[in-house]
Amino acid sequence: MNRSQLVQAVTESTQVTRRTVEDVVEELFDMIITEVRSGRKVTVVGFGTFTPTRRASRVGRNPRTGAVV
């Protein structure tokens, strides 16, 4: 399920307008992203846990040409 499918499902199961549902979903995702980017763990019970992860940079290669990306 992608974001628009989620908005559609919530809109159909509630008496809330699509625009309001879109605003709420957008704000929810923005808050989760902001918290994780600032280094804090976010847990939504029954949904998921979002944990900030630091990874070292690496060299990517184009599989066809072998060129560095």
PDB file of N, CA and C in Angstrom:
ATOM      1  N   MET A   1       0.853  -1.174   0.000  1.00  0.00           N
ATOM      2  CA  MET A   1       0.000   0.000   0.000  1.00  0.00           C
ATOM      3  C   MET A   1       0.895   1.231   0.000  1.00  0.00           C
ATOM      4  N   ASN A   2       0.650   2.118  -0.943  1.00  0.00           N
ATOM      5  CA  ASN A   2       1.411   3.363  -0.975  1.00  0.00           C
ATOM      6  C   ASN A   2       0.619   4.481  -0.294  1.00  0.00           C
ATOM      7  N   ARG A   3       1.183   5.673  -0.291  1.00  0.00           N
ATOM      8  CA  ARG A   3       0.580   6.789   0.434  1.00  0.00           C
ATOM      9  C   ARG A   3      -0.817   7.129  -0.089  1.00  0.00           C
ATOM     10  N   SER A   4      -0.981   7.194  -1.393  1.00  0.00           N
ATOM     11  CA  SER A   4      -2.292   7.551  -1.936  1.00  0.00           C
ATOM     12  C   SER A   4      -3.330   6.469  -1.666  1.00  0.00           C
ATOM     13  N   GLN A   5      -2.917   5.220  -1.673  1.00  0.00           N
ATOM     14  CA  GLN A   5      -3.836   4.129  -1.331  1.00  0.00           C
ATOM     15  C   GLN A   5      -4.233   4.210   0.137  1.00  0.00           C
ATOM     16  N   LEU A   6      -3.294   4.570   1.000  1.00  0.00           N
ATOM     17  CA  LEU A   6      -3.590   4.745   2.415  1.00  0.00           C
ATOM     18  C   LEU A   6      -4.605   5.870   2.607  1.00  0.00           C
ATOM     19  N   VAL A   7      -4.389   6.984   1.949  1.00  0.00           N
ATOM     20  CA  VAL A   7      -5.316   8.114   2.047  1.00  0.00           C
ATOM     21  C   VAL A   7      -6.696   7.701   1.552  1.00  0.00           C
ATOM     22  N   GLN A   8      -6.755   7.002   0.441  1.00  0.00           N
ATOM     23  CA  GLN A   8      -8.037   6.555  -0.107  1.00  0.00           C
ATOM     24  C   GLN A   8      -8.755   5.624   0.861  1.00  0.00           C
ATOM     25  N   ALA A   9      -8.042   4.673   1.449  1.00  0.00           N
ATOM     26  CA  ALA A   9      -8.655   3.725   2.379  1.00  0.00           C
ATOM     27  C   ALA A   9      -9.204   4.431   3.611  1.00  0.00           C
ATOM     28  N   VAL A  10      -8.451   5.370   4.165  1.00  0.00           N
ATOM     29  CA  VAL A  10      -8.916   6.096   5.347  1.00  0.00           C
ATOM     30  C   VAL A  10     -10.112   6.976   4.992  1.00  0.00           C
ATOM     31  N   THR A  11     -10.060   7.599   3.829  1.00  0.00           N
ATOM     32  CA  THR A  11     -11.173   8.445   3.386  1.00  0.00           C
ATOM     33  C   THR A  11     -12.459   7.636   3.254  1.00  0.00           C
ATOM     34  N   GLU A  12     -12.350   6.442   2.692  1.00  0.00           N
ATOM     35  CA  GLU A  12     -13.529   5.591   2.497  1.00  0.00           C
ATOM     36  C   GLU A  12     -14.085   5.039   3.804  1.00  0.00           C
ATOM     37  N   SER A  13     -13.229   4.840   4.797  1.00  0.00           N
ATOM     38  CA  SER A  13     -13.688   4.234   6.045  1.00  0.00           C
ATOM     39  C   SER A  13     -14.090   5.248   7.116  1.00  0.00           C
ATOM     40  N   THR A  14     -13.926   6.534   6.812  1.00  0.00           N
ATOM     41  CA  THR A  14     -14.306   7.585   7.766  1.00  0.00           C
ATOM     42  C   THR A  14     -15.202   8.602   7.076  1.00  0.00           C
ATOM     43  N   GLN A  15     -15.691   9.524   7.821  1.00  0.00           N
ATOM     44  CA  GLN A  15     -16.505  10.612   7.272  1.00  0.00           C
ATOM     45  C   GLN A  15     -15.679  11.878   7.112  1.00  0.00           C
ATOM     46  N   VAL A  16     -14.382  11.710   6.903  1.00  0.00           N
ATOM     47  CA  VAL A  16     -13.451  12.836   6.796  1.00  0.00           C
ATOM     48  C   VAL A  16     -13.129  13.068   5.315  1.00  0.00           C
ATOM     49  N   THR A  17     -12.940  14.325   4.944  1.00  0.00           N
ATOM     50  CA  THR A  17     -12.637  14.637   3.550  1.00  0.00           C
ATOM     51  C   THR A  17     -11.246  14.133   3.171  1.00  0.00           C
ATOM     52  N   ARG A  18     -11.075  13.884   1.881  1.00  0.00           N
ATOM     53  CA  ARG A  18      -9.787  13.399   1.377  1.00  0.00           C
ATOM     54  C   ARG A  18      -8.674  14.408   1.697  1.00  0.00           C
ATOM     55  N   ARG A  19      -8.960  15.678   1.550  1.00  0.00           N
ATOM     56  CA  ARG A  19      -7.958  16.721   1.807  1.00  0.00           C
ATOM     57  C   ARG A  19      -7.485  16.693   3.261  1.00  0.00           C
ATOM     58  N   THR A  20      -8.417  16.504   4.185  1.00  0.00           N
ATOM     59  CA  THR A  20      -8.061  16.441   5.604  1.00  0.00           C
ATOM     60  C   THR A  20      -7.202  15.217   5.885  1.00  0.00           C
ATOM     61  N   VAL A  21      -7.580  14.084   5.306  1.00  0.00           N
ATOM     62  CA  VAL A  21      -6.799  12.852   5.498  1.00  0.00           C
ATOM     63  C   VAL A  21      -5.399  13.031   4.915  1.00  0.00           C
ATOM     64  N   GLU A  22      -5.286  13.633   3.736  1.00  0.00           N
ATOM     65  CA  GLU A  22      -3.972  13.879   3.136  1.00  0.00           C
ATOM     66  C   GLU A  22      -3.107  14.747   4.049  1.00  0.00           C
ATOM     67  N   ASP A  23      -3.703  15.778   4.628  1.00  0.00           N
ATOM     68  CA  ASP A  23      -2.963  16.661   5.537  1.00  0.00           C
ATOM     69  C   ASP A  23      -2.473  15.919   6.775  1.00  0.00           C
ATOM     70  N   VAL A  24      -3.323  15.078   7.340  1.00  0.00           N
ATOM     71  CA  VAL A  24      -2.950  14.325   8.545  1.00  0.00           C
ATOM     72  C   VAL A  24      -1.840  13.324   8.233  1.00  0.00           C
ATOM     73  N   VAL A  25      -1.961  12.595   7.136  1.00  0.00           N
ATOM     74  CA  VAL A  25      -0.941  11.611   6.759  1.00  0.00           C
ATOM     75  C   VAL A  25       0.387  12.318   6.483  1.00  0.00           C
ATOM     76  N   GLU A  26       0.346  13.417   5.759  1.00  0.00           N
ATOM     77  CA  GLU A  26       1.559  14.179   5.465  1.00  0.00           C
ATOM     78  C   GLU A  26       2.231  14.667   6.748  1.00  0.00           C
ATOM     79  N   GLU A  27       1.444  15.207   7.667  1.00  0.00           N
ATOM     80  CA  GLU A  27       1.991  15.700   8.935  1.00  0.00           C
ATOM     81  C   GLU A  27       2.582  14.558   9.766  1.00  0.00           C
ATOM     82  N   LEU A  28       1.912  13.419   9.784  1.00  0.00           N
ATOM     83  CA  LEU A  28       2.415  12.255  10.517  1.00  0.00           C
ATOM     84  C   LEU A  28       3.779  11.834   9.981  1.00  0.00           C
ATOM     85  N   PHE A  29       3.884  11.686   8.658  1.00  0.00           N
ATOM     86  CA  PHE A  29       5.163  11.287   8.067  1.00  0.00           C
ATOM     87  C   PHE A  29       6.239  12.336   8.303  1.00  0.00           C
ATOM     88  N   ASP A  30       5.878  13.613   8.184  1.00  0.00           N
ATOM     89  CA  ASP A  30       6.852  14.675   8.428  1.00  0.00           C
ATOM     90  C   ASP A  30       7.381  14.634   9.861  1.00  0.00           C
ATOM     91  N   MET A  31       6.503  14.381  10.821  1.00  0.00           N
ATOM     92  CA  MET A  31       6.932  14.312  12.226  1.00  0.00           C
ATOM     93  C   MET A  31       7.864  13.123  12.461  1.00  0.00           C
ATOM     94  N   ILE A  32       7.532  11.983  11.879  1.00  0.00           N
ATOM     95  CA  ILE A  32       8.389  10.799  12.026  1.00  0.00           C
ATOM     96  C   ILE A  32       9.753  11.081  11.412  1.00  0.00           C
ATOM     97  N   ILE A  33       9.779  11.629  10.216  1.00  0.00           N
ATOM     98  CA  ILE A  33      11.045  11.929   9.538  1.00  0.00           C
ATOM     99  C   ILE A  33      11.875  12.922  10.341  1.00  0.00           C
ATOM    100  N   THR A  34      11.247  13.965  10.851  1.00  0.00           N
ATOM    101  CA  THR A  34      11.959  14.973  11.640  1.00  0.00           C
ATOM    102  C   THR A  34      12.586  14.364  12.889  1.00  0.00           C
ATOM    103  N   GLU A  35      11.830  13.545  13.592  1.00  0.00           N
ATOM    104  CA  GLU A  35      12.352  12.919  14.813  1.00  0.00           C
ATOM    105  C   GLU A  35      13.517  11.979  14.509  1.00  0.00           C
ATOM    106  N   VAL A  36      13.384  11.167  13.479  1.00  0.00           N
ATOM    107  CA  VAL A  36      14.449  10.215  13.142  1.00  0.00           C
ATOM    108  C   VAL A  36      15.691  10.957  12.670  1.00  0.00           C
ATOM    109  N   ARG A  37      15.513  11.993  11.866  1.00  0.00           N
ATOM    110  CA  ARG A  37      16.666  12.778  11.399  1.00  0.00           C
ATOM    111  C   ARG A  37      17.397  13.456  12.541  1.00  0.00           C
ATOM    112  N   SER A  38      16.683  13.787  13.606  1.00  0.00           N
ATOM    113  CA  SER A  38      17.338  14.428  14.743  1.00  0.00           C
ATOM    114  C   SER A  38      17.964  13.402  15.688  1.00  0.00           C
ATOM    115  N   GLY A  39      17.905  12.119  15.317  1.00  0.00           N
ATOM    116  CA  GLY A  39      18.595  11.085  16.077  1.00  0.00           C
ATOM    117  C   GLY A  39      17.742  10.349  17.085  1.00  0.00           C
ATOM    118  N   ARG A  40      16.459  10.603  17.104  1.00  0.00           N
ATOM    119  CA  ARG A  40      15.581   9.938  18.066  1.00  0.00           C
ATOM    120  C   ARG A  40      14.838   8.768  17.417  1.00  0.00           C
ATOM    121  N   LYS A  41      14.578   7.761  18.208  1.00  0.00           N
ATOM    122  CA  LYS A  41      13.845   6.582  17.774  1.00  0.00           C
ATOM    123  C   LYS A  41      12.346   6.860  17.916  1.00  0.00           C
ATOM    124  N   VAL A  42      11.561   6.446  16.920  1.00  0.00           N
ATOM    125  CA  VAL A  42      10.111   6.627  16.950  1.00  0.00           C
ATOM    126  C   VAL A  42       9.462   5.261  16.914  1.00  0.00           C
ATOM    127  N   THR A  43       8.591   4.986  17.881  1.00  0.00           N
ATOM    128  CA  THR A  43       7.862   3.726  17.923  1.00  0.00           C
ATOM    129  C   THR A  43       6.373   4.012  17.895  1.00  0.00           C
ATOM    130  N   VAL A  44       5.701   3.450  16.908  1.00  0.00           N
ATOM    131  CA  VAL A  44       4.245   3.532  16.817  1.00  0.00           C
ATOM    132  C   VAL A  44       3.755   2.106  17.061  1.00  0.00           C
ATOM    133  N   VAL A  45       3.247   1.868  18.264  1.00  0.00           N
ATOM    134  CA  VAL A  45       2.847   0.521  18.669  1.00  0.00           C
ATOM    135  C   VAL A  45       1.827  -0.035  17.688  1.00  0.00           C
ATOM    136  N   GLY A  46       2.073  -1.248  17.232  1.00  0.00           N
ATOM    137  CA  GLY A  46       1.180  -1.900  16.291  1.00  0.00           C
ATOM    138  C   GLY A  46       1.442  -1.519  14.849  1.00  0.00           C
ATOM    139  N   PHE A  47       2.397  -0.621  14.617  1.00  0.00           N
ATOM    140  CA  PHE A  47       2.695  -0.187  13.253  1.00  0.00           C
ATOM    141  C   PHE A  47       4.157  -0.404  12.891  1.00  0.00           C
ATOM    142  N   GLY A  48       5.069   0.172  13.682  1.00  0.00           N
ATOM    143  CA  GLY A  48       6.482   0.008  13.355  1.00  0.00           C
ATOM    144  C   GLY A  48       7.374   0.870  14.219  1.00  0.00           C
ATOM    145  N   THR A  49       8.668   0.602  14.098  1.00  0.00           N
ATOM    146  CA  THR A  49       9.686   1.353  14.811  1.00  0.00           C
ATOM    147  C   THR A  49      10.643   1.936  13.783  1.00  0.00           C
ATOM    148  N   PHE A  50      10.957   3.202  13.950  1.00  0.00           N
ATOM    149  CA  PHE A  50      11.848   3.902  13.036  1.00  0.00           C
ATOM    150  C   PHE A  50      13.068   4.331  13.830  1.00  0.00           C
ATOM    151  N   THR A  51      14.230   3.843  13.429  1.00  0.00           N
ATOM    152  CA  THR A  51      15.461   4.079  14.163  1.00  0.00           C
ATOM    153  C   THR A  51      16.481   4.747  13.254  1.00  0.00           C
ATOM    154  N   PRO A  52      17.120   5.817  13.714  1.00  0.00           N
ATOM    155  CA  PRO A  52      18.156   6.440  12.883  1.00  0.00           C
ATOM    156  C   PRO A  52      19.355   5.513  12.740  1.00  0.00           C
ATOM    157  N   THR A  53      19.902   5.447  11.542  1.00  0.00           N
ATOM    158  CA  THR A  53      21.034   4.582  11.262  1.00  0.00           C
ATOM    159  C   THR A  53      22.087   5.381  10.517  1.00  0.00           C
ATOM    160  N   ARG A  54      23.319   5.268  10.947  1.00  0.00           N
ATOM    161  CA  ARG A  54      24.434   5.923  10.263  1.00  0.00           C
ATOM    162  C   ARG A  54      25.184   4.870   9.468  1.00  0.00           C
ATOM    163  N   ARG A  55      25.412   5.157   8.217  1.00  0.00           N
ATOM    164  CA  ARG A  55      26.167   4.237   7.371  1.00  0.00           C
ATOM    165  C   ARG A  55      27.339   4.985   6.754  1.00  0.00           C
ATOM    166  N   ALA A  56      28.431   4.279   6.603  1.00  0.00           N
ATOM    167  CA  ALA A  56      29.591   4.869   5.959  1.00  0.00           C
ATOM    168  C   ALA A  56      29.322   5.000   4.468  1.00  0.00           C
ATOM    169  N   SER A  57      29.911   6.015   3.853  1.00  0.00           N
ATOM    170  CA  SER A  57      29.736   6.176   2.415  1.00  0.00           C
ATOM    171  C   SER A  57      30.462   5.050   1.694  1.00  0.00           C
ATOM    172  N   ARG A  58      30.002   4.772   0.481  1.00  0.00           N
ATOM    173  CA  ARG A  58      30.631   3.720  -0.298  1.00  0.00           C
ATOM    174  C   ARG A  58      30.619   4.122  -1.762  1.00  0.00           C
ATOM    175  N   VAL A  59      31.405   3.439  -2.535  1.00  0.00           N
ATOM    176  CA  VAL A  59      31.479   3.714  -3.967  1.00  0.00           C
ATOM    177  C   VAL A  59      30.484   2.810  -4.673  1.00  0.00           C
ATOM    178  N   GLY A  60      29.616   3.408  -5.457  1.00  0.00           N
ATOM    179  CA  GLY A  60      28.673   2.633  -6.253  1.00  0.00           C
ATOM    180  C   GLY A  60      29.185   2.517  -7.676  1.00  0.00           C
ATOM    181  N   ARG A  61      28.750   1.479  -8.360  1.00  0.00           N
ATOM    182  CA  ARG A  61      29.180   1.275  -9.744  1.00  0.00           C
ATOM    183  C   ARG A  61      27.981   0.962 -10.622  1.00  0.00           C
ATOM    184  N   ASN A  62      28.025   1.478 -11.833  1.00  0.00           N
ATOM    185  CA  ASN A  62      27.019   1.141 -12.818  1.00  0.00           C
ATOM    186  C   ASN A  62      27.261  -0.303 -13.231  1.00  0.00           C
ATOM    187  N   PRO A  63      26.263  -1.193 -13.089  1.00  0.00           N
ATOM    188  CA  PRO A  63      26.495  -2.611 -13.389  1.00  0.00           C
ATOM    189  C   PRO A  63      26.818  -2.891 -14.864  1.00  0.00           C
ATOM    190  N   ARG A  64      26.357  -2.037 -15.765  1.00  0.00           N
ATOM    191  CA  ARG A  64      26.627  -2.260 -17.187  1.00  0.00           C
ATOM    192  C   ARG A  64      28.034  -1.812 -17.591  1.00  0.00           C
ATOM    193  N   THR A  65      28.423  -0.650 -17.115  1.00  0.00           N
ATOM    194  CA  THR A  65      29.704  -0.101 -17.560  1.00  0.00           C
ATOM    195  C   THR A  65      30.812  -0.229 -16.533  1.00  0.00           C
ATOM    196  N   GLY A  66      30.442  -0.423 -15.274  1.00  0.00           N
ATOM    197  CA  GLY A  66      31.451  -0.469 -14.236  1.00  0.00           C
ATOM    198  C   GLY A  66      31.923   0.907 -13.805  1.00  0.00           C
ATOM    199  N   ALA A  67      31.327   1.949 -14.360  1.00  0.00           N
ATOM    200  CA  ALA A  67      31.705   3.313 -14.017  1.00  0.00           C
ATOM    201  C   ALA A  67      31.292   3.650 -12.599  1.00  0.00           C
ATOM    202  N   VAL A  68      32.124   4.440 -11.945  1.00  0.00           N
ATOM    203  CA  VAL A  68      31.845   4.860 -10.568  1.00  0.00           C
ATOM    204  C   VAL A  68      30.682   5.829 -10.574  1.00  0.00           C
ATOM    205  N   VAL A  69      29.757   5.625  -9.628  1.00  0.00           N
ATOM    206  CA  VAL A  69      28.592   6.497  -9.505  1.00  0.00           C
ATOM    207  C   VAL A  69      28.736   7.332  -8.257  1.00  0.00           C
TER     208      VAL A  69
END
